[in-house]
């Protein structure tokens, strides 16, 4: 009986020691005792309003990229409150966010925090500010290429060899150094190149109406001053819709008119599908896909310590594919 009890005691001791050895292995390969696992970095999204379609689509794109790469996403809505905008950086840091997409209103204060207090956090910003690791660069050379591609197809399809082009731009295009001015120059460079290759096509005038209501008078004036001006490049979809309304009211036959906009919404797309409408084409930004590309840059920051500037994803929508 004593021998049996001794054997049982020895077996209990062996199993007890084996159990202690396994626990120690799970605590760390270096045998250094209880070391908590390092929390994995997160990717953040800071926007003013998640009920806004643009913000929602951007958030969805960033989240898609983060999820694909195995990262959790932390979202913060500033509700257009400047104090929340600044506080968002502290909140990101406390939640182990190391890279994020930010649509900030108070860029100077946010930039100071990122540079001086949290340089390890990379911000991919919607707008340029000192302290952002990267910024979205809306390269309008792409828009210019899409305008020329669609215009050329339209002219050939309708056997049009002579026509005049007018540009309807927002006011900031007139101010050197602004992003809008750079956008105009990029488009006009493409137009000039096309006109040189096609002598029957010429660019005749730029106008800068104050708003979409002023576009109506502008287009009426252009139609009188330039009877052959049947091609209109519009800097935004509101301008294009206004121009289309004026032209449709002024002439029963709009078959030789071509209106293009550098952006598009549901109403733009509806008008483009109407063969009788002179609004023929738009360069439409794919916001969700742009968010996805930004999300990949956030991953790049976490894994490689850098972000690269990207251009928004754009697709040409015109009478051929709408």
Protein backbone atom coordinates (compact mmCIF):
# COMPACT_ATOMS: atom_id res chain seq x y z
CA UNK A 1 0.00 0.00 0.00
CA UNK A 2 2.82 2.41 0.85
CA UNK A 3 4.50 1.59 -2.48
CA UNK A 4 1.26 2.39 -4.34
CA UNK A 5 0.88 5.73 -2.57
CA UNK A 6 4.50 6.59 -3.35
CA UNK A 7 4.04 5.82 -7.05
CA UNK A 8 0.89 7.98 -7.22
CA UNK A 9 2.69 10.88 -5.51
CA UNK A 10 5.57 10.70 -8.00
CA UNK A 11 3.18 10.63 -10.98
CA UNK A 12 1.30 13.69 -9.66
CA UNK A 13 4.61 15.55 -9.28
CA UNK A 14 5.69 14.68 -12.84
CA UNK A 15 2.39 15.85 -14.37
CA UNK A 16 2.52 19.01 -12.28
CA UNK A 17 6.01 19.85 -13.51
CA UNK A 18 5.06 19.11 -17.13
CA UNK A 19 2.11 21.48 -16.85
CA UNK A 20 4.32 24.27 -15.52
CA UNK A 21 6.74 23.78 -18.42
CA UNK A 22 3.95 24.21 -21.07
CA UNK A 23 2.62 27.40 -19.48
CA UNK A 24 6.07 28.90 -19.45
CA UNK A 25 6.46 28.16 -23.18
CA UNK A 26 3.24 30.03 -24.02
CA UNK A 27 4.39 33.10 -22.11
CA UNK A 28 7.32 33.72 -24.46
CA UNK A 29 9.96 31.94 -26.44
CA UNK A 30 12.72 33.71 -24.53
CA UNK A 31 11.55 32.22 -21.20
CA UNK A 32 11.42 35.72 -19.74
CA UNK A 33 8.24 35.28 -17.69
CA UNK A 34 4.85 36.98 -18.21
CA UNK A 35 5.16 39.30 -21.28
CA UNK A 36 1.87 40.57 -22.72
CA UNK A 37 1.58 40.21 -26.49
CA UNK A 38 2.12 43.50 -28.35
CA UNK A 39 -1.17 44.94 -29.59
CA UNK A 40 -1.42 45.05 -33.37
CA UNK A 41 -1.53 48.52 -34.91
CA UNK A 42 -4.87 49.76 -36.24
CA UNK A 43 -5.89 51.83 -39.24
CA UNK A 44 -8.10 54.86 -38.64
CA UNK A 45 -10.74 56.88 -40.48
CA UNK A 46 -11.49 60.45 -39.35
CA UNK A 47 -14.36 62.15 -41.19
CA UNK A 48 -16.87 64.90 -40.33
CA UNK A 49 -20.01 62.87 -41.11
CA UNK A 50 -20.66 59.21 -41.86
CA UNK A 51 -24.14 60.03 -43.16
CA UNK A 52 -22.48 61.83 -46.06
CA UNK A 53 -22.23 59.64 -49.17
CA UNK A 54 -18.65 60.69 -49.91
CA UNK A 55 -17.43 59.97 -46.38
CA UNK A 56 -19.29 56.66 -46.25
CA UNK A 57 -17.78 55.50 -49.54
CA UNK A 58 -14.28 56.58 -48.50
CA UNK A 59 -14.67 54.77 -45.17
CA UNK A 60 -15.85 51.61 -46.96
CA UNK A 61 -12.82 51.65 -49.24
CA UNK A 62 -10.29 52.13 -46.43
CA UNK A 63 -12.01 49.40 -44.42
CA UNK A 64 -11.91 46.99 -47.38
CA UNK A 65 -8.16 47.45 -47.76
CA UNK A 66 -7.51 47.16 -44.01
CA UNK A 67 -9.61 44.01 -43.69
CA UNK A 68 -7.87 42.37 -46.66
CA UNK A 69 -4.51 42.99 -44.98
CA UNK A 70 -5.65 41.87 -41.53
CA UNK A 71 -5.99 45.23 -39.75
CA UNK A 72 -8.75 46.46 -37.48
CA UNK A 73 -10.29 49.86 -38.32
CA UNK A 74 -11.01 52.60 -35.79
CA UNK A 75 -13.52 55.25 -36.95
CA UNK A 76 -14.03 58.72 -35.51
CA UNK A 77 -16.65 61.25 -36.60
CA UNK A 78 -15.79 64.87 -35.80
CA UNK A 79 -19.30 66.21 -36.55
CA UNK A 80 -17.68 69.32 -38.08
CA UNK A 81 -16.54 70.37 -34.60
CA UNK A 82 -13.03 71.95 -34.57
CA UNK A 83 -12.37 70.73 -31.01
CA UNK A 84 -13.23 67.17 -32.03
CA UNK A 85 -10.98 67.53 -35.05
CA UNK A 86 -7.95 68.24 -32.86
CA UNK A 87 -8.99 65.72 -30.19
CA UNK A 88 -9.19 63.00 -32.84
CA UNK A 89 -5.40 62.71 -32.98
CA UNK A 90 -5.17 62.03 -29.23
CA UNK A 91 -7.94 59.46 -29.54
CA UNK A 92 -6.24 57.74 -32.44
CA UNK A 93 -3.01 57.49 -30.44
CA UNK A 94 -4.78 56.05 -27.38
CA UNK A 95 -6.40 53.37 -29.58
CA UNK A 96 -3.09 52.31 -31.15
CA UNK A 97 -3.90 53.73 -34.59
CA UNK A 98 -0.67 54.12 -36.52
CA UNK A 99 -2.02 55.25 -39.90
CA UNK A 100 -5.29 56.83 -40.96
CA UNK A 101 -7.31 58.66 -43.59
CA UNK A 102 -8.26 62.13 -42.42
CA UNK A 103 -10.69 64.72 -43.72
CA UNK A 104 -9.72 67.46 -41.27
CA UNK A 105 -11.15 70.96 -40.94
CA UNK A 106 -8.52 72.34 -38.51
CA UNK A 107 -5.39 71.31 -40.36
CA UNK A 108 -2.81 73.57 -38.67
CA UNK A 109 -3.48 72.30 -35.13
CA UNK A 110 -3.73 68.70 -36.31
CA UNK A 111 -0.46 69.08 -38.21
CA UNK A 112 1.36 70.41 -35.14
CA UNK A 113 0.22 67.42 -33.08
CA UNK A 114 1.27 64.92 -35.73
CA UNK A 115 4.70 66.52 -36.23
CA UNK A 116 5.62 67.23 -32.63
CA UNK A 117 3.77 64.70 -30.47
CA UNK A 118 2.80 61.75 -32.64
CA UNK A 119 5.27 61.53 -35.55
CA UNK A 120 4.76 57.76 -35.61
CA UNK A 121 1.17 58.23 -36.83
CA UNK A 122 0.84 58.64 -40.59
CA UNK A 123 -2.06 60.72 -41.90
CA UNK A 124 -3.22 60.32 -45.48
CA UNK A 125 -5.07 63.60 -45.87
CA UNK A 126 -7.83 64.67 -48.20
CA UNK A 127 -6.30 68.16 -48.26
CA UNK A 128 -2.73 69.41 -48.15
CA UNK A 129 -1.31 70.49 -44.77
CA UNK A 130 2.05 70.49 -43.03
CA UNK A 131 2.22 67.31 -40.98
CA UNK A 132 0.33 65.01 -43.35
CA UNK A 133 2.33 62.01 -44.53
CA UNK A 134 0.59 62.01 -47.93
CA UNK A 135 -2.22 63.83 -49.67
CA UNK A 136 -4.74 63.00 -52.37
CA UNK A 137 -3.58 64.54 -55.66
CA UNK A 138 -6.44 65.01 -58.11
CA UNK A 139 -4.44 64.79 -61.33
CA UNK A 140 -6.58 66.52 -63.96
CA UNK A 141 -4.34 65.29 -66.76
CA UNK A 142 -6.43 62.12 -66.39
CA UNK A 143 -9.62 64.21 -66.73
CA UNK A 144 -8.17 65.91 -69.80
CA UNK A 145 -7.40 62.55 -71.39
CA UNK A 146 -10.94 61.33 -70.72
CA UNK A 147 -12.43 64.53 -72.16
CA UNK A 148 -10.41 64.16 -75.37
CA UNK A 149 -11.16 60.42 -75.65
CA UNK A 150 -14.91 60.95 -75.37
CA UNK A 151 -14.94 64.09 -77.53
CA UNK A 152 -12.97 62.42 -80.32
CA UNK A 153 -15.35 59.45 -80.35
CA UNK A 154 -18.36 61.81 -80.44
CA UNK A 155 -16.99 63.89 -83.33
CA UNK A 156 -16.13 60.82 -85.39
CA UNK A 157 -19.47 59.15 -84.72
CA UNK A 158 -21.31 62.27 -85.91
CA UNK A 159 -18.91 63.13 -88.77
CA UNK A 160 -18.12 66.53 -87.25
CA UNK A 161 -14.85 68.05 -88.52
CA UNK A 162 -15.18 71.68 -87.38
CA UNK A 163 -16.26 72.89 -83.97
CA UNK A 164 -15.31 75.34 -81.24
CA UNK A 165 -14.68 74.53 -77.59
CA UNK A 166 -15.50 76.73 -74.58
CA UNK A 167 -14.48 76.14 -70.98
CA UNK A 168 -16.71 76.96 -68.03
CA UNK A 169 -14.49 77.02 -64.96
CA UNK A 170 -14.89 77.82 -61.28
CA UNK A 171 -13.47 81.16 -60.13
CA UNK A 172 -10.36 79.84 -58.36
CA UNK A 173 -8.99 78.70 -61.70
CA UNK A 174 -7.96 82.31 -62.30
CA UNK A 175 -5.71 82.37 -59.21
CA UNK A 176 -2.15 81.22 -59.82
CA UNK A 177 -0.91 78.61 -57.37
CA UNK A 178 -4.33 77.15 -56.52
CA UNK A 179 -5.14 73.50 -57.16
CA UNK A 180 -8.02 74.63 -59.40
CA UNK A 181 -5.62 76.67 -61.54
CA UNK A 182 -3.39 73.61 -61.89
CA UNK A 183 -6.42 71.53 -62.88
CA UNK A 184 -7.37 74.00 -65.61
CA UNK A 185 -3.83 74.09 -66.99
CA UNK A 186 -3.70 70.28 -67.11
CA UNK A 187 -6.94 70.05 -69.09
CA UNK A 188 -6.07 72.91 -71.46
CA UNK A 189 -2.71 71.29 -72.23
CA UNK A 190 -4.57 68.21 -73.48
CA UNK A 191 -7.04 70.36 -75.44
CA UNK A 192 -4.25 72.34 -77.11
CA UNK A 193 -2.52 69.13 -78.13
CA UNK A 194 -5.75 67.77 -79.63
CA UNK A 195 -6.51 71.00 -81.52
CA UNK A 196 -3.06 70.99 -83.08
CA UNK A 197 -3.68 67.48 -84.39
CA UNK A 198 -7.19 68.41 -85.57
CA UNK A 199 -7.10 71.87 -87.23
CA UNK A 200 -10.89 72.06 -87.58
CA UNK A 201 -11.30 72.04 -83.79
CA UNK A 202 -10.34 75.11 -81.76
CA UNK A 203 -10.56 76.35 -78.19
CA UNK A 204 -12.08 79.84 -78.24
CA UNK A 205 -12.94 81.05 -74.75
CA UNK A 206 -12.81 80.46 -70.97
CA UNK A 207 -15.48 81.80 -68.65
CA UNK A 208 -15.67 81.85 -64.85
CA UNK A 209 -19.29 82.20 -63.67
CA UNK A 210 -19.79 82.74 -59.95
CA UNK A 211 -22.23 79.85 -59.52
CA UNK A 212 -24.48 77.44 -61.43
CA UNK A 213 -27.19 80.10 -61.79
CA UNK A 214 -24.75 82.45 -63.51
CA UNK A 215 -23.85 79.66 -65.94
CA UNK A 216 -27.17 80.19 -67.78
CA UNK A 217 -26.27 83.74 -68.80
CA UNK A 218 -22.71 82.68 -69.59
CA UNK A 219 -23.79 79.93 -71.99
CA UNK A 220 -26.35 82.16 -73.69
CA UNK A 221 -23.64 84.78 -74.27
CA UNK A 222 -21.20 82.20 -75.60
CA UNK A 223 -23.77 80.79 -78.02
CA UNK A 224 -24.34 84.27 -79.44
CA UNK A 225 -20.66 85.22 -79.61
CA UNK A 226 -19.54 81.86 -80.99
CA UNK A 227 -22.26 80.18 -83.09
CA UNK A 228 -19.92 77.23 -83.74
CA UNK A 229 -19.21 76.73 -80.03
CA UNK A 230 -20.91 73.42 -79.49
CA UNK A 231 -18.42 71.78 -77.15
CA UNK A 232 -18.38 72.77 -73.49
CA UNK A 233 -15.95 71.58 -70.83
CA UNK A 234 -17.53 72.21 -67.41
CA UNK A 235 -15.50 72.16 -64.21
CA UNK A 236 -18.31 70.57 -62.20
CA UNK A 237 -21.57 68.74 -62.78
CA UNK A 238 -23.78 71.64 -61.62
CA UNK A 239 -22.29 73.82 -64.36
CA UNK A 240 -22.83 71.04 -66.91
CA UNK A 241 -26.47 70.56 -65.93
CA UNK A 242 -27.12 74.31 -66.19
CA UNK A 243 -25.42 74.46 -69.58
CA UNK A 244 -27.45 71.49 -70.82
CA UNK A 245 -30.70 73.13 -69.71
CA UNK A 246 -29.87 76.35 -71.59
CA UNK A 247 -28.85 74.57 -74.79
CA UNK A 248 -31.90 72.27 -74.72
CA UNK A 249 -34.17 75.29 -74.32
CA UNK A 250 -32.42 77.26 -77.08
CA UNK A 251 -32.41 74.65 -79.83
CA UNK A 252 -34.57 71.71 -80.80
CA UNK A 253 -31.65 69.84 -82.34
CA UNK A 254 -28.86 69.18 -79.83
CA UNK A 255 -27.27 66.35 -81.80
CA UNK A 256 -24.02 68.29 -82.47
CA UNK A 257 -23.60 69.60 -78.93
CA UNK A 258 -21.20 67.98 -76.49
CA UNK A 259 -21.04 68.84 -72.78
CA UNK A 260 -18.47 67.20 -70.51
CA UNK A 261 -17.99 67.60 -66.75
CA UNK A 262 -15.07 66.74 -64.49
CA UNK A 263 -17.40 65.11 -61.97
CA UNK A 264 -20.77 63.39 -61.95
CA UNK A 265 -23.68 62.51 -59.70
CA UNK A 266 -26.93 60.56 -60.16
CA UNK A 267 -28.60 63.43 -62.03
CA UNK A 268 -25.58 63.79 -64.32
CA UNK A 269 -25.68 60.11 -65.17
CA UNK A 270 -29.44 60.27 -65.80
CA UNK A 271 -28.98 63.11 -68.28
CA UNK A 272 -26.06 61.42 -70.03
CA UNK A 273 -28.28 58.41 -70.77
CA UNK A 274 -30.79 60.65 -72.61
CA UNK A 275 -29.85 60.81 -76.32
CA UNK A 276 -31.64 64.15 -76.71
CA UNK A 277 -29.61 65.76 -73.92
CA UNK A 278 -26.39 67.59 -74.90
CA UNK A 279 -24.75 66.44 -71.64
CA UNK A 280 -22.75 63.56 -73.09
CA UNK A 281 -19.95 62.59 -70.71
CA UNK A 282 -18.37 62.94 -67.27
CA UNK A 283 -15.22 61.91 -65.46
CA UNK A 284 -16.65 60.24 -62.38
CA UNK A 285 -14.49 59.69 -59.31
CA UNK A 286 -14.82 56.21 -57.81
CA UNK A 287 -14.72 57.21 -54.15
CA UNK A 288 -14.84 53.71 -52.70
CA UNK A 289 -11.96 52.57 -54.90
CA UNK A 290 -10.02 55.72 -53.98
CA UNK A 291 -10.56 54.88 -50.31
CA UNK A 292 -9.26 51.38 -50.99
CA UNK A 293 -6.05 52.79 -52.50
CA UNK A 294 -5.65 55.08 -49.48
CA UNK A 295 -6.16 52.12 -47.16
CA UNK A 296 -3.31 50.31 -48.90
CA UNK A 297 -1.08 53.33 -48.27
CA UNK A 298 -2.01 53.19 -44.58
CA UNK A 299 -0.85 49.58 -44.57
CA UNK A 300 2.31 50.72 -46.36
CA UNK A 301 3.00 53.21 -43.55
CA UNK A 302 2.57 50.60 -40.81
CA UNK A 303 4.64 47.94 -42.53
CA UNK A 304 7.24 50.02 -44.40
CA UNK A 305 7.19 53.45 -42.73
CA UNK A 306 6.09 55.42 -45.81
CA UNK A 307 3.05 56.64 -47.74
CA UNK A 308 2.87 57.57 -51.41
CA UNK A 309 0.63 60.21 -52.96
CA UNK A 310 -2.13 58.80 -55.16
CA UNK A 311 -4.69 60.21 -57.58
CA UNK A 312 -8.41 59.50 -57.17
CA UNK A 313 -9.68 56.53 -59.14
CA UNK A 314 -11.71 57.91 -62.07
CA UNK A 315 -13.83 56.34 -64.79
CA UNK A 316 -15.17 57.86 -67.98
CA UNK A 317 -18.94 57.66 -68.24
CA UNK A 318 -20.43 58.79 -71.55
CA UNK A 319 -23.26 58.11 -73.98
CA UNK A 320 -21.53 54.87 -75.07
CA UNK A 321 -21.40 53.11 -71.69
CA UNK A 322 -23.90 54.87 -69.39
